Amino acid sequence: MLPRTVPLGAGGEFDAIRRFLSSSGPLHAAVAMGAGDDASVLEGGWVVSTDLTVEDVHFRRTWISDEEIGGRAVLAALSDLAAMAARPVAVLASVAVPRGGRVDVDAVMTGVRGATEARGASLVGGDLSRSPGPLVLDVVVVGRSESPCSRAGSRAGDQIWVTGTLGASAAAVTIWEGGEEPPAGLRDAYVRPSPRIPEALDLAANGVPRGMIDLSDGLVGDVGHLAAAGGVRAVVEVDRIPVSEAVVERLGHAVALEMALHGGEDYELCFTAAAGSLDPVAWTAAAGVRVTRVGRMEEGSGVDLRTPDGEVREADRGGFDHFGSHGG
């Protein structure tokens, strides 16, 4: 049974969302689950989410092409459907184009359409407008699931798992901001994230996730949302985090670990599962995607980090926060 609403974790952005929602009226009878998760669920198993992509906040046009901007916006939005274990059905893309002709809107929409169709969905609409400022894309994704996953459901004793490796996308941004071009592997992690839809569908079909989220704002911030939604405390084992080797080679282990913990935009899955419910070796071999246990849920609230020497400390900050000190 899905919760009607899902509690959010800490952060200025999420405090603002809580304020907005506190004055909202009761949910419509056809809304199975409202705000607080990666997407909302409507009667009949329809899963809906929206995602904004704003120039000079989420990307810079000196970094990537207009076609890549459109494709990346869709892939990031589809990751929300992966977090819900929903199969993509439709995409609506609205674009606000700056005056002056400096953006090739046809190229942007070529990227949107390509990413949509490659994931088995249809581009069914949107809107087109002029913008007095930056390029803005708003992507609405619609999926379908007979049994959508939620962030809620984690229990004390559950193990915390992540797919793939972490930190590559944030490292690419850091390198660009330093005036250099990132290596191809790091650039691809940023430009062409892979929403883990097949992997999520497989996990859900086998009843593995108790709670699940996609890693868009950094492991610490997003696992904090999982913990808040389940009413438990997350303990992350720092030495178990699957840090991208490409980032270690380029920036060193300390920076790479920071990117994995707080960088964001990895678009991997983070989920909780009962101990013994997942064989990581067998699943990795079958799925072709690495899965790593990075901690466990315990009684309490918040997020703690356990260092290799056994020290446990409260995480001093979360992930990217548009309204926090790191979000501008």
C-alpha atoms as a PDB file:
ATOM      1  CA  MET A   1       0.000   0.000   0.000  1.00  0.00           C
ATOM      2  CA  LEU A   2       1.445   3.346  -1.049  1.00  0.00           C
ATOM      3  CA  PRO A   3       1.476   6.209   1.469  1.00  0.00           C
ATOM      4  CA  ARG A   4      -0.701   9.164   0.483  1.00  0.00           C
ATOM      5  CA  THR A   5       2.252  11.529   1.030  1.00  0.00           C
ATOM      6  CA  VAL A   6       5.918  10.920   1.790  1.00  0.00           C
ATOM      7  CA  PRO A   7       8.026  12.876   4.336  1.00  0.00           C
ATOM      8  CA  LEU A   8      11.020  14.751   2.901  1.00  0.00           C
ATOM      9  CA  GLY A   9      14.531  14.899   4.341  1.00  0.00           C
ATOM     10  CA  ALA A  10      16.459  17.960   5.492  1.00  0.00           C
ATOM     11  CA  GLY A  11      17.436  20.976   3.387  1.00  0.00           C
ATOM     12  CA  GLY A  12      16.371  24.504   2.526  1.00  0.00           C
ATOM     13  CA  GLU A  13      14.835  23.427  -0.786  1.00  0.00           C
ATOM     14  CA  PHE A  14      12.730  20.824   0.989  1.00  0.00           C
ATOM     15  CA  ASP A  15      11.730  23.210   3.793  1.00  0.00           C
ATOM     16  CA  ALA A  16      10.281  25.430   1.067  1.00  0.00           C
ATOM     17  CA  ILE A  17       8.406  22.488  -0.450  1.00  0.00           C
ATOM     18  CA  ARG A  18       6.995  21.593   2.971  1.00  0.00           C
ATOM     19  CA  ARG A  19       5.720  25.161   3.354  1.00  0.00           C
ATOM     20  CA  PHE A  20       4.048  25.046  -0.046  1.00  0.00           C
ATOM     21  CA  LEU A  21       2.384  21.729   0.682  1.00  0.00           C
ATOM     22  CA  SER A  22       1.241  22.604   4.196  1.00  0.00           C
ATOM     23  CA  SER A  23      -1.402  24.949   2.777  1.00  0.00           C
ATOM     24  CA  SER A  24      -2.628  22.510   0.126  1.00  0.00           C
ATOM     25  CA  GLY A  25      -6.063  20.957   0.368  1.00  0.00           C
ATOM     26  CA  PRO A  26      -6.869  17.236   0.546  1.00  0.00           C
ATOM     27  CA  LEU A  27      -5.740  14.994  -2.288  1.00  0.00           C
ATOM     28  CA  HIS A  28      -8.158  14.186  -5.074  1.00  0.00           C
ATOM     29  CA  ALA A  29      -9.644  10.702  -4.775  1.00  0.00           C
ATOM     30  CA  ALA A  30      -7.866   9.661  -7.999  1.00  0.00           C
ATOM     31  CA  VAL A  31      -4.431  10.513  -6.549  1.00  0.00           C
ATOM     32  CA  ALA A  32      -2.989   7.352  -5.021  1.00  0.00           C
ATOM     33  CA  MET A  33       0.183   9.092  -3.761  1.00  0.00           C
ATOM     34  CA  GLY A  34       0.847  12.817  -3.780  1.00  0.00           C
ATOM     35  CA  ALA A  35       3.984  14.834  -3.121  1.00  0.00           C
ATOM     36  CA  GLY A  36       7.209  13.836  -1.402  1.00  0.00           C
ATOM     37  CA  ASP A  37       8.480  11.028  -3.602  1.00  0.00           C
ATOM     38  CA  ASP A  38      10.287  10.971  -6.951  1.00  0.00           C
ATOM     39  CA  ALA A  39       6.916  11.007  -8.704  1.00  0.00           C
ATOM     40  CA  SER A  40       3.217  11.052  -7.920  1.00  0.00           C
ATOM     41  CA  VAL A  41       0.968   8.057  -8.569  1.00  0.00           C
ATOM     42  CA  LEU A  42      -2.528   8.365  -9.998  1.00  0.00           C
ATOM     43  CA  GLU A  43      -5.370   5.882 -10.038  1.00  0.00           C
ATOM     44  CA  GLY A  44      -4.647   3.000 -12.387  1.00  0.00           C
ATOM     45  CA  GLY A  45      -0.901   2.921 -11.777  1.00  0.00           C
ATOM     46  CA  TRP A  46      -0.032   6.042 -13.764  1.00  0.00           C
ATOM     47  CA  VAL A  47       3.215   7.572 -12.480  1.00  0.00           C
ATOM     48  CA  VAL A  48       3.918  11.257 -13.232  1.00  0.00           C
ATOM     49  CA  SER A  49       6.892  13.515 -12.541  1.00  0.00           C
ATOM     50  CA  THR A  50       8.265  16.848 -13.758  1.00  0.00           C
ATOM     51  CA  ASP A  51      11.849  18.076 -13.885  1.00  0.00           C
ATOM     52  CA  LEU A  52      13.257  21.540 -14.629  1.00  0.00           C
ATOM     53  CA  THR A  53      16.576  22.063 -16.405  1.00  0.00           C
ATOM     54  CA  VAL A  54      17.898  25.627 -16.321  1.00  0.00           C
ATOM     55  CA  GLU A  55      20.891  27.083 -18.143  1.00  0.00           C
ATOM     56  CA  ASP A  56      23.762  28.076 -15.813  1.00  0.00           C
ATOM     57  CA  VAL A  57      22.177  26.058 -12.993  1.00  0.00           C
ATOM     58  CA  HIS A  58      22.079  22.528 -14.420  1.00  0.00           C
ATOM     59  CA  PHE A  59      24.316  23.035 -17.470  1.00  0.00           C
ATOM     60  CA  ARG A  60      26.349  25.562 -19.412  1.00  0.00           C
ATOM     61  CA  ARG A  61      26.099  25.851 -23.160  1.00  0.00           C
ATOM     62  CA  THR A  62      29.875  26.190 -23.392  1.00  0.00           C
ATOM     63  CA  TRP A  63      30.116  22.638 -22.040  1.00  0.00           C
ATOM     64  CA  ILE A  64      27.669  20.655 -24.175  1.00  0.00           C
ATOM     65  CA  SER A  65      25.738  20.983 -27.432  1.00  0.00           C
ATOM     66  CA  ASP A  66      22.100  22.029 -27.768  1.00  0.00           C
ATOM     67  CA  GLU A  67      21.152  18.495 -28.805  1.00  0.00           C
ATOM     68  CA  GLU A  68      22.916  17.071 -25.734  1.00  0.00           C
ATOM     69  CA  ILE A  69      21.070  19.565 -23.523  1.00  0.00           C
ATOM     70  CA  GLY A  70      17.715  18.253 -24.750  1.00  0.00           C
ATOM     71  CA  GLY A  71      18.659  14.613 -24.385  1.00  0.00           C
ATOM     72  CA  ARG A  72      20.136  15.060 -20.935  1.00  0.00           C
ATOM     73  CA  ALA A  73      17.012  16.838 -19.666  1.00  0.00           C
ATOM     74  CA  VAL A  74      14.851  13.874 -20.680  1.00  0.00           C
ATOM     75  CA  LEU A  75      17.218  11.257 -19.237  1.00  0.00           C
ATOM     76  CA  ALA A  76      17.335  13.060 -15.886  1.00  0.00           C
ATOM     77  CA  ALA A  77      13.537  13.221 -15.771  1.00  0.00           C
ATOM     78  CA  LEU A  78      13.161   9.549 -16.712  1.00  0.00           C
ATOM     79  CA  SER A  79      15.366   8.638 -13.750  1.00  0.00           C
ATOM     80  CA  ASP A  80      12.440   9.615 -11.512  1.00  0.00           C
ATOM     81  CA  LEU A  81      10.377   6.873 -13.178  1.00  0.00           C
ATOM     82  CA  ALA A  82      13.215   4.419 -12.543  1.00  0.00           C
ATOM     83  CA  ALA A  83      13.071   5.287  -8.845  1.00  0.00           C
ATOM     84  CA  MET A  84       9.392   4.305  -8.870  1.00  0.00           C
ATOM     85  CA  ALA A  85       9.997   1.141 -10.941  1.00  0.00           C
ATOM     86  CA  ALA A  86       7.663   2.525 -13.624  1.00  0.00           C
ATOM     87  CA  ARG A  87       7.920   1.831 -17.332  1.00  0.00           C
ATOM     88  CA  PRO A  88       8.128   5.042 -19.446  1.00  0.00           C
ATOM     89  CA  VAL A  89       5.091   5.763 -21.609  1.00  0.00           C
ATOM     90  CA  ALA A  90       5.082   9.443 -22.569  1.00  0.00           C
ATOM     91  CA  VAL A  91       7.114  12.647 -22.370  1.00  0.00           C
ATOM     92  CA  LEU A  92       6.002  16.280 -22.622  1.00  0.00           C
ATOM     93  CA  ALA A  93       8.748  18.863 -23.090  1.00  0.00           C
ATOM     94  CA  SER A  94       8.336  22.618 -22.673  1.00  0.00           C
ATOM     95  CA  VAL A  95      11.165  24.893 -23.790  1.00  0.00           C
ATOM     96  CA  ALA A  96      11.716  28.599 -23.142  1.00  0.00           C
ATOM     97  CA  VAL A  97      14.232  29.846 -25.723  1.00  0.00           C
ATOM     98  CA  PRO A  98      16.334  33.001 -25.201  1.00  0.00           C
ATOM     99  CA  ARG A  99      15.899  35.818 -27.681  1.00  0.00           C
ATOM    100  CA  GLY A 100      18.647  36.464 -30.204  1.00  0.00           C
ATOM    101  CA  GLY A 101      18.784  33.106 -31.970  1.00  0.00           C
ATOM    102  CA  ARG A 102      21.726  31.792 -29.979  1.00  0.00           C
ATOM    103  CA  VAL A 103      19.960  28.493 -29.227  1.00  0.00           C
ATOM    104  CA  ASP A 104      19.165  25.965 -31.949  1.00  0.00           C
ATOM    105  CA  VAL A 105      15.741  24.869 -30.701  1.00  0.00           C
ATOM    106  CA  ASP A 106      15.503  22.221 -33.450  1.00  0.00           C
ATOM    107  CA  ALA A 107      18.682  20.630 -32.095  1.00  0.00           C
ATOM    108  CA  VAL A 108      17.347  20.777 -28.529  1.00  0.00           C
ATOM    109  CA  MET A 109      14.167  18.987 -29.603  1.00  0.00           C
ATOM    110  CA  THR A 110      16.145  16.438 -31.617  1.00  0.00           C
ATOM    111  CA  GLY A 111      17.886  15.538 -28.361  1.00  0.00           C
ATOM    112  CA  VAL A 112      14.566  15.412 -26.506  1.00  0.00           C
ATOM    113  CA  ARG A 113      12.977  13.149 -29.092  1.00  0.00           C
ATOM    114  CA  GLY A 114      15.991  10.854 -29.378  1.00  0.00           C
ATOM    115  CA  ALA A 115      16.263  10.245 -25.633  1.00  0.00           C
ATOM    116  CA  THR A 116      12.505   9.744 -25.342  1.00  0.00           C
ATOM    117  CA  GLU A 117      12.237   7.186 -28.134  1.00  0.00           C
ATOM    118  CA  ALA A 118      15.395   5.337 -27.081  1.00  0.00           C
ATOM    119  CA  ARG A 119      13.680   4.561 -23.753  1.00  0.00           C
ATOM    120  CA  GLY A 120      10.507   3.293 -25.388  1.00  0.00           C
ATOM    121  CA  ALA A 121       8.350   6.338 -24.698  1.00  0.00           C
ATOM    122  CA  SER A 122       6.513   8.759 -26.997  1.00  0.00           C
ATOM    123  CA  LEU A 123       6.884  12.527 -27.178  1.00  0.00           C
ATOM    124  CA  VAL A 124       3.243  13.623 -26.881  1.00  0.00           C
ATOM    125  CA  GLY A 125       3.364  17.375 -26.328  1.00  0.00           C
ATOM    126  CA  GLY A 126       4.756  20.327 -24.442  1.00  0.00           C
ATOM    127  CA  ASP A 127       5.048  24.065 -24.988  1.00  0.00           C
ATOM    128  CA  LEU A 128       7.380  26.523 -26.679  1.00  0.00           C
ATOM    129  CA  SER A 129       8.029  30.073 -25.477  1.00  0.00           C
ATOM    130  CA  ARG A 130      10.542  32.884 -25.597  1.00  0.00           C
ATOM    131  CA  SER A 131      12.681  33.579 -22.539  1.00  0.00           C
ATOM    132  CA  PRO A 132      14.153  36.955 -21.571  1.00  0.00           C
ATOM    133  CA  GLY A 133      16.985  35.118 -19.845  1.00  0.00           C
ATOM    134  CA  PRO A 134      18.389  31.611 -19.914  1.00  0.00           C
ATOM    135  CA  LEU A 135      17.359  28.503 -21.802  1.00  0.00           C
ATOM    136  CA  VAL A 136      14.840  26.543 -19.694  1.00  0.00           C
ATOM    137  CA  LEU A 137      13.416  23.064 -20.247  1.00  0.00           C
ATOM    138  CA  ASP A 138      10.579  21.533 -18.255  1.00  0.00           C
ATOM    139  CA  VAL A 139      10.151  17.815 -18.908  1.00  0.00           C
ATOM    140  CA  VAL A 140       7.086  15.901 -17.733  1.00  0.00           C
ATOM    141  CA  VAL A 141       7.390  12.116 -17.771  1.00  0.00           C
ATOM    142  CA  VAL A 142       4.518   9.654 -17.550  1.00  0.00           C
ATOM    143  CA  GLY A 143       5.027   6.005 -16.696  1.00  0.00           C
ATOM    144  CA  ARG A 144       3.000   2.981 -15.710  1.00  0.00           C
ATOM    145  CA  SER A 145       3.466   0.454 -12.927  1.00  0.00           C
ATOM    146  CA  GLU A 146       1.189  -2.137 -11.361  1.00  0.00           C
ATOM    147  CA  SER A 147       3.221  -1.906  -8.141  1.00  0.00           C
ATOM    148  CA  PRO A 148       5.089   1.417  -7.942  1.00  0.00           C
ATOM    149  CA  CYS A 149       7.977   1.626  -5.504  1.00  0.00           C
ATOM    150  CA  SER A 150       8.136   4.435  -2.972  1.00  0.00           C
ATOM    151  CA  ARG A 151      10.828   6.034  -0.846  1.00  0.00           C
ATOM    152  CA  ALA A 152       8.828   4.939   2.172  1.00  0.00           C
ATOM    153  CA  GLY A 153       9.006   1.436   3.614  1.00  0.00           C
ATOM    154  CA  SER A 154      12.551   1.149   4.966  1.00  0.00           C
ATOM    155  CA  ARG A 155      12.879  -0.508   8.369  1.00  0.00           C
ATOM    156  CA  ALA A 156      15.597  -0.716  10.989  1.00  0.00           C
ATOM    157  CA  GLY A 157      17.918  -3.555   9.988  1.00  0.00           C
ATOM    158  CA  ASP A 158      17.458  -3.064   6.239  1.00  0.00           C
ATOM    159  CA  GLN A 159      20.571  -2.904   4.097  1.00  0.00           C
ATOM    160  CA  ILE A 160      21.276   0.134   1.868  1.00  0.00           C
ATOM    161  CA  TRP A 161      22.349  -0.589  -1.701  1.00  0.00           C
ATOM    162  CA  VAL A 162      23.411   1.489  -4.715  1.00  0.00           C
ATOM    163  CA  THR A 163      23.823   0.602  -8.377  1.00  0.00           C
ATOM    164  CA  GLY A 164      26.806   1.572 -10.492  1.00  0.00           C
ATOM    165  CA  THR A 165      29.591   3.897  -9.369  1.00  0.00           C
ATOM    166  CA  LEU A 166      29.332   7.427  -8.003  1.00  0.00           C
ATOM    167  CA  GLY A 167      30.993  10.792  -8.501  1.00  0.00           C
ATOM    168  CA  ALA A 168      31.747  10.918 -12.236  1.00  0.00           C
ATOM    169  CA  SER A 169      29.135  13.492 -13.237  1.00  0.00           C
ATOM    170  CA  ALA A 170      30.063  15.889 -10.431  1.00  0.00           C
ATOM    171  CA  ALA A 171      33.729  15.471 -11.307  1.00  0.00           C
ATOM    172  CA  ALA A 172      33.042  16.487 -14.909  1.00  0.00           C
ATOM    173  CA  VAL A 173      31.396  19.689 -13.672  1.00  0.00           C
ATOM    174  CA  THR A 174      34.358  20.428 -11.385  1.00  0.00           C
ATOM    175  CA  ILE A 175      36.807  19.995 -14.251  1.00  0.00           C
ATOM    176  CA  TRP A 176      34.759  22.232 -16.567  1.00  0.00           C
ATOM    177  CA  GLU A 177      34.537  24.871 -13.848  1.00  0.00           C
ATOM    178  CA  GLY A 178      38.324  24.721 -13.594  1.00  0.00           C
ATOM    179  CA  GLY A 179      38.616  25.671 -17.258  1.00  0.00           C
ATOM    180  CA  GLU A 180      39.519  22.229 -18.628  1.00  0.00           C
ATOM    181  CA  GLU A 181      37.718  19.592 -20.662  1.00  0.00           C
ATOM    182  CA  PRO A 182      36.874  16.404 -18.714  1.00  0.00           C
ATOM    183  CA  PRO A 183      37.966  13.024 -20.077  1.00  0.00           C
ATOM    184  CA  ALA A 184      35.436  11.266 -22.289  1.00  0.00           C
ATOM    185  CA  GLY A 185      34.244   8.858 -19.596  1.00  0.00           C
ATOM    186  CA  LEU A 186      33.491  11.614 -17.092  1.00  0.00           C
ATOM    187  CA  ARG A 187      31.913  13.798 -19.773  1.00  0.00           C
ATOM    188  CA  ASP A 188      29.626  10.941 -20.833  1.00  0.00           C
ATOM    189  CA  ALA A 189      28.522  10.376 -17.239  1.00  0.00           C
ATOM    190  CA  TYR A 190      27.294  13.969 -17.149  1.00  0.00           C
ATOM    191  CA  VAL A 191      25.920  14.295 -20.688  1.00  0.00           C
ATOM    192  CA  ARG A 192      24.313  10.872 -21.090  1.00  0.00           C
ATOM    193  CA  PRO A 193      23.225   9.539 -17.689  1.00  0.00           C
ATOM    194  CA  SER A 194      21.579   6.132 -17.832  1.00  0.00           C
ATOM    195  CA  PRO A 195      18.259   6.026 -15.951  1.00  0.00           C
ATOM    196  CA  ARG A 196      18.200   2.581 -14.355  1.00  0.00           C
ATOM    197  CA  ILE A 197      14.758   1.611 -15.614  1.00  0.00           C
ATOM    198  CA  PRO A 198      15.418  -2.057 -16.565  1.00  0.00           C
ATOM    199  CA  GLU A 199      17.310  -2.582 -13.310  1.00  0.00           C
ATOM    200  CA  ALA A 200      14.514  -1.027 -11.240  1.00  0.00           C
ATOM    201  CA  LEU A 201      11.874  -3.117 -12.984  1.00  0.00           C
ATOM    202  CA  ASP A 202      13.880  -6.274 -12.274  1.00  0.00           C
ATOM    203  CA  LEU A 203      14.403  -5.413  -8.606  1.00  0.00           C
ATOM    204  CA  ALA A 204      10.716  -4.597  -8.144  1.00  0.00           C
ATOM    205  CA  ALA A 205       9.564  -7.730  -9.969  1.00  0.00           C
ATOM    206  CA  ASN A 206      11.524  -9.772  -7.424  1.00  0.00           C
ATOM    207  CA  GLY A 207      10.183  -7.807  -4.467  1.00  0.00           C
ATOM    208  CA  VAL A 208      13.613  -6.555  -3.406  1.00  0.00           C
ATOM    209  CA  PRO A 209      13.273  -2.810  -2.602  1.00  0.00           C
ATOM    210  CA  ARG A 210      11.623  -1.686   0.605  1.00  0.00           C
ATOM    211  CA  GLY A 211      12.337   1.942  -0.296  1.00  0.00           C
ATOM    212  CA  MET A 212      13.973   3.353  -3.425  1.00  0.00           C
ATOM    213  CA  ILE A 213      15.199   6.697  -4.768  1.00  0.00           C
ATOM    214  CA  ASP A 214      17.410   7.883  -7.616  1.00  0.00           C
ATOM    215  CA  LEU A 215      20.671   9.642  -6.792  1.00  0.00           C
ATOM    216  CA  SER A 216      20.219  13.126  -8.207  1.00  0.00           C
ATOM    217  CA  ASP A 217      21.419  15.289  -5.281  1.00  0.00           C
ATOM    218  CA  GLY A 218      24.222  13.151  -3.832  1.00  0.00           C
ATOM    219  CA  LEU A 219      24.272   9.943  -1.789  1.00  0.00           C
ATOM    220  CA  VAL A 220      24.092  11.607   1.634  1.00  0.00           C
ATOM    221  CA  GLY A 221      21.206  13.901   0.728  1.00  0.00           C
ATOM    222  CA  ASP A 222      19.189  11.251  -1.078  1.00  0.00           C
ATOM    223  CA  VAL A 223      19.710   8.489   1.472  1.00  0.00           C
ATOM    224  CA  GLY A 224      18.511  11.086   3.986  1.00  0.00           C
ATOM    225  CA  HIS A 225      15.215  11.252   2.088  1.00  0.00           C
ATOM    226  CA  LEU A 226      14.966   7.445   2.213  1.00  0.00           C
ATOM    227  CA  ALA A 227      15.560   7.532   5.964  1.00  0.00           C
ATOM    228  CA  ALA A 228      13.036  10.330   6.546  1.00  0.00           C
ATOM    229  CA  ALA A 229      10.416   8.569   4.437  1.00  0.00           C
ATOM    230  CA  GLY A 230      10.833   5.366   6.437  1.00  0.00           C
ATOM    231  CA  GLY A 231      11.193   6.996   9.853  1.00  0.00           C
ATOM    232  CA  VAL A 232      14.646   5.503  10.402  1.00  0.00           C
ATOM    233  CA  ARG A 233      18.323   6.529  10.507  1.00  0.00           C
ATOM    234  CA  ALA A 234      20.781   5.768   7.696  1.00  0.00           C
ATOM    235  CA  VAL A 235      24.307   4.640   8.562  1.00  0.00           C
ATOM    236  CA  VAL A 236      26.572   4.798   5.515  1.00  0.00           C
ATOM    237  CA  GLU A 237      29.867   2.881   5.547  1.00  0.00           C
ATOM    238  CA  VAL A 238      32.294   5.240   3.845  1.00  0.00           C
ATOM    239  CA  ASP A 239      34.776   2.569   2.774  1.00  0.00           C
ATOM    240  CA  ARG A 240      32.059   0.626   0.932  1.00  0.00           C
ATOM    241  CA  ILE A 241      30.949   3.471  -1.355  1.00  0.00           C
ATOM    242  CA  PRO A 242      31.575   2.539  -5.034  1.00  0.00           C
ATOM    243  CA  VAL A 243      33.591   5.597  -6.011  1.00  0.00           C
ATOM    244  CA  SER A 244      34.275   6.028  -9.724  1.00  0.00           C
ATOM    245  CA  GLU A 245      37.841   4.901 -10.484  1.00  0.00           C
ATOM    246  CA  ALA A 246      38.028   7.452 -13.303  1.00  0.00           C
ATOM    247  CA  VAL A 247      37.477  10.235 -10.764  1.00  0.00           C
ATOM    248  CA  VAL A 248      40.097   8.785  -8.415  1.00  0.00           C
ATOM    249  CA  GLU A 249      42.629   8.716 -11.262  1.00  0.00           C
ATOM    250  CA  ARG A 250      41.925  12.325 -12.233  1.00  0.00           C
ATOM    251  CA  LEU A 251      41.255  14.057  -8.897  1.00  0.00           C
ATOM    252  CA  GLY A 252      42.490  11.716  -6.166  1.00  0.00           C
ATOM    253  CA  HIS A 253      40.575   9.547  -3.707  1.00  0.00           C
ATOM    254  CA  ALA A 254      39.648  12.247  -1.180  1.00  0.00           C
ATOM    255  CA  VAL A 255      38.013  14.462  -3.821  1.00  0.00           C
ATOM    256  CA  ALA A 256      36.410  11.459  -5.510  1.00  0.00           C
ATOM    257  CA  LEU A 257      34.844  10.372  -2.228  1.00  0.00           C
ATOM    258  CA  GLU A 258      33.493  13.889  -1.675  1.00  0.00           C
ATOM    259  CA  MET A 259      31.951  13.797  -5.152  1.00  0.00           C
ATOM    260  CA  ALA A 260      30.319  10.434  -4.441  1.00  0.00           C
ATOM    261  CA  LEU A 261      28.907  11.590  -1.094  1.00  0.00           C
ATOM    262  CA  HIS A 262      27.634  15.035  -2.056  1.00  0.00           C
ATOM    263  CA  GLY A 263      28.114  15.684  -5.778  1.00  0.00           C
ATOM    264  CA  GLY A 264      24.861  14.443  -7.284  1.00  0.00           C
ATOM    265  CA  GLU A 265      23.554  13.793 -10.786  1.00  0.00           C
ATOM    266  CA  ASP A 266      24.739  10.193 -10.819  1.00  0.00           C
ATOM    267  CA  TYR A 267      21.171   8.998 -11.521  1.00  0.00           C
ATOM    268  CA  GLU A 268      21.926   5.602 -10.015  1.00  0.00           C
ATOM    269  CA  LEU A 269      19.422   3.778  -7.808  1.00  0.00           C
ATOM    270  CA  CYS A 270      19.683   3.773  -4.030  1.00  0.00           C
ATOM    271  CA  PHE A 271      17.385   1.312  -2.298  1.00  0.00           C
ATOM    272  CA  THR A 272      16.895  -0.560   0.925  1.00  0.00           C
ATOM    273  CA  ALA A 273      16.273  -4.274   1.200  1.00  0.00           C
ATOM    274  CA  ALA A 274      15.888  -6.893   3.893  1.00  0.00           C
ATOM    275  CA  ALA A 275      19.138  -8.632   4.776  1.00  0.00           C
ATOM    276  CA  GLY A 276      19.641 -11.702   2.589  1.00  0.00           C
ATOM    277  CA  SER A 277      17.083 -10.682  -0.044  1.00  0.00           C
ATOM    278  CA  LEU A 278      19.670  -9.775  -2.696  1.00  0.00           C
ATOM    279  CA  ASP A 279      22.697 -11.718  -3.943  1.00  0.00           C
ATOM    280  CA  PRO A 280      24.934  -8.934  -5.305  1.00  0.00           C
ATOM    281  CA  VAL A 281      27.203 -11.236  -7.313  1.00  0.00           C
ATOM    282  CA  ALA A 282      24.349 -13.027  -9.066  1.00  0.00           C
ATOM    283  CA  TRP A 283      22.386  -9.821  -9.642  1.00  0.00           C
ATOM    284  CA  THR A 284      25.393  -7.953 -11.047  1.00  0.00           C
ATOM    285  CA  ALA A 285      26.158 -10.829 -13.392  1.00  0.00           C
ATOM    286  CA  ALA A 286      22.556 -10.987 -14.626  1.00  0.00           C
ATOM    287  CA  ALA A 287      21.936  -7.230 -14.890  1.00  0.00           C
ATOM    288  CA  GLY A 288      25.363  -6.198 -16.124  1.00  0.00           C
ATOM    289  CA  VAL A 289      25.341  -3.367 -13.589  1.00  0.00           C
ATOM    290  CA  ARG A 290      27.279  -3.344 -10.340  1.00  0.00           C
ATOM    291  CA  VAL A 291      25.308  -3.268  -7.081  1.00  0.00           C
ATOM    292  CA  THR A 292      26.995  -2.484  -3.756  1.00  0.00           C
ATOM    293  CA  ARG A 293      25.830  -2.577  -0.143  1.00  0.00           C
ATOM    294  CA  VAL A 294      26.849   0.753   1.415  1.00  0.00           C
ATOM    295  CA  GLY A 295      25.213   0.676   4.839  1.00  0.00           C
ATOM    296  CA  ARG A 296      22.115  -0.089   6.854  1.00  0.00           C
ATOM    297  CA  MET A 297      19.083   1.518   8.387  1.00  0.00           C
ATOM    298  CA  GLU A 298      18.828   1.753  12.172  1.00  0.00           C
ATOM    299  CA  GLU A 299      16.439   3.198  14.730  1.00  0.00           C
ATOM    300  CA  GLY A 300      16.506   6.993  14.893  1.00  0.00           C
ATOM    301  CA  SER A 301      16.664   9.723  12.261  1.00  0.00           C
ATOM    302  CA  GLY A 302      19.143  11.483   9.995  1.00  0.00           C
ATOM    303  CA  VAL A 303      22.310  10.195   8.323  1.00  0.00           C
ATOM    304  CA  ASP A 304      25.510   8.982   9.982  1.00  0.00           C
ATOM    305  CA  LEU A 305      28.806   8.134   8.301  1.00  0.00           C
ATOM    306  CA  ARG A 306      30.900   5.206   9.589  1.00  0.00           C
ATOM    307  CA  THR A 307      34.611   5.529   8.783  1.00  0.00           C
ATOM    308  CA  PRO A 308      36.929   2.540   8.224  1.00  0.00           C
ATOM    309  CA  ASP A 309      38.267   2.840  11.798  1.00  0.00           C
ATOM    310  CA  GLY A 310      34.737   2.391  13.179  1.00  0.00           C
ATOM    311  CA  GLU A 311      34.084   6.027  14.087  1.00  0.00           C
ATOM    312  CA  VAL A 312      30.481   7.104  13.527  1.00  0.00           C
ATOM    313  CA  ARG A 313      29.705  10.769  12.957  1.00  0.00           C
ATOM    314  CA  GLU A 314      26.662  12.661  11.799  1.00  0.00           C
ATOM    315  CA  ALA A 315      26.870  13.820   8.176  1.00  0.00           C
ATOM    316  CA  ASP A 316      27.762  17.513   8.296  1.00  0.00           C
ATOM    317  CA  ARG A 317      25.874  18.302   5.109  1.00  0.00           C
ATOM    318  CA  GLY A 318      23.608  16.650   2.615  1.00  0.00           C
ATOM    319  CA  GLY A 319      23.489  16.823  -1.162  1.00  0.00           C
ATOM    320  CA  PHE A 320      22.932  19.632  -3.630  1.00  0.00           C
ATOM    321  CA  ASP A 321      20.321  22.090  -2.363  1.00  0.00           C
ATOM    322  CA  HIS A 322      19.012  24.846  -4.657  1.00  0.00           C
ATOM    323  CA  PHE A 323      18.123  26.962  -1.612  1.00  0.00           C
ATOM    324  CA  GLY A 324      21.065  26.001   0.614  1.00  0.00           C
ATOM    325  CA  SER A 325      24.581  27.391   0.954  1.00  0.00           C
ATOM    326  CA  HIS A 326      25.874  25.053  -1.765  1.00  0.00           C
ATOM    327  CA  GLY A 327      22.978  25.728  -4.149  1.00  0.00           C
ATOM    328  CA  GLY A 328      23.360  29.478  -4.471  1.00  0.00           C
END
